Amino acid sequence: MQELDVINVLEVEDFLINECMYVVQFAAGRDLRPGQLGSMIHTLSNWLSTSDNLLIIIQNKIKWADTMSELDKKHKK
């Protein structure tokens, strides 16, 4: 919670649900048939891109929280 600069568990839950879980719409196990490999590669590439974007969002939120923390410390001094 401190790293994400949120004040309660509900905000953490909202972040995880809205920014992490709802991005993944469904998953199903199956074998690939001939000709489906390209589609699977495309789907996995999209998933990777979404995951990378989510990581960037989290890292930016951590940087923002660090900045706010430093500003707060300076303000208190």
Protein backbone atom coordinates (compact mmCIF):
# COMPACT_ATOMS: atom_id res chain seq x y z
CA MET A 1 0.00 0.00 0.00
CA GLN A 2 2.84 2.35 0.81
CA GLU A 3 4.60 1.75 -2.53
CA LEU A 4 1.36 2.41 -4.45
CA ASP A 5 0.49 5.40 -2.24
CA VAL A 6 -2.95 4.14 -1.36
CA ILE A 7 -4.59 4.65 1.98
CA ASN A 8 -6.64 1.50 2.41
CA VAL A 9 -7.03 -2.09 1.32
CA LEU A 10 -10.05 -1.27 -0.85
CA GLU A 11 -7.87 0.92 -3.08
CA VAL A 12 -5.34 -1.91 -3.42
CA GLU A 13 -8.14 -4.33 -4.32
CA ASP A 14 -9.57 -1.89 -6.86
CA PHE A 15 -6.15 -1.46 -8.46
CA LEU A 16 -5.50 -5.20 -8.66
CA ILE A 17 -8.95 -5.97 -10.00
CA ASN A 18 -9.26 -3.09 -12.47
CA GLU A 19 -5.66 -2.85 -13.68
CA CYS A 20 -4.60 -6.48 -13.46
CA MET A 21 -7.42 -9.00 -13.52
CA TYR A 22 -10.02 -7.36 -15.76
CA VAL A 23 -7.39 -6.93 -18.46
CA VAL A 24 -7.38 -10.72 -18.84
CA GLN A 25 -10.83 -11.54 -20.18
CA PHE A 26 -10.70 -15.30 -20.36
CA ALA A 27 -8.41 -18.30 -20.46
CA ALA A 28 -8.98 -21.82 -21.67
CA GLY A 29 -6.68 -24.79 -22.02
CA ARG A 30 -6.64 -26.49 -25.41
CA ASP A 31 -4.50 -28.16 -28.02
CA LEU A 32 -3.56 -26.27 -31.16
CA ARG A 33 -4.81 -27.55 -34.45
CA PRO A 34 -2.84 -27.05 -37.66
CA GLY A 35 -3.08 -23.43 -38.77
CA GLN A 36 -3.80 -22.04 -35.29
CA LEU A 37 -0.22 -21.28 -34.32
CA GLY A 38 -0.26 -17.79 -35.87
CA SER A 39 -3.38 -16.87 -33.94
CA MET A 40 -1.87 -18.18 -30.72
CA ILE A 41 1.33 -16.20 -31.30
CA HIS A 42 -0.76 -13.07 -31.91
CA THR A 43 -2.78 -13.64 -28.74
CA LEU A 44 0.34 -14.21 -26.65
CA SER A 45 2.01 -11.14 -28.15
CA ASN A 46 -1.02 -9.06 -27.12
CA TRP A 47 -0.87 -10.55 -23.64
CA LEU A 48 2.83 -9.72 -23.39
CA SER A 49 2.19 -6.15 -24.50
CA THR A 50 -0.60 -5.75 -21.95
CA SER A 51 1.64 -7.18 -19.23
CA ASP A 52 4.47 -4.83 -20.18
CA ASN A 53 2.10 -1.86 -20.08
CA LEU A 54 0.81 -2.92 -16.68
CA LEU A 55 4.37 -3.15 -15.38
CA ILE A 56 5.07 0.36 -16.63
CA ILE A 57 1.93 1.64 -14.88
CA ILE A 58 3.01 0.02 -11.62
CA GLN A 59 6.56 1.36 -11.92
CA ASN A 60 5.26 4.87 -12.63
CA LYS A 61 2.96 4.67 -9.63
CA ILE A 62 5.91 3.62 -7.44
CA LYS A 63 8.02 6.52 -8.77
CA TRP A 64 5.17 8.92 -8.10
CA ALA A 65 4.76 7.55 -4.57
CA ASP A 66 8.50 7.94 -3.94
CA THR A 67 8.38 11.53 -5.18
CA MET A 68 5.38 12.33 -3.00
CA SER A 69 7.10 10.77 -0.02
CA GLU A 70 10.23 12.87 -0.56
CA LEU A 71 8.14 16.02 -0.94
CA ASP A 72 6.29 15.18 2.25
CA LYS A 73 9.57 14.68 4.12
CA LYS A 74 10.87 18.03 2.85
CA HIS A 75 7.61 19.72 3.78
CA LYS A 76 7.77 18.32 7.32
CA LYS A 77 11.35 19.61 7.75
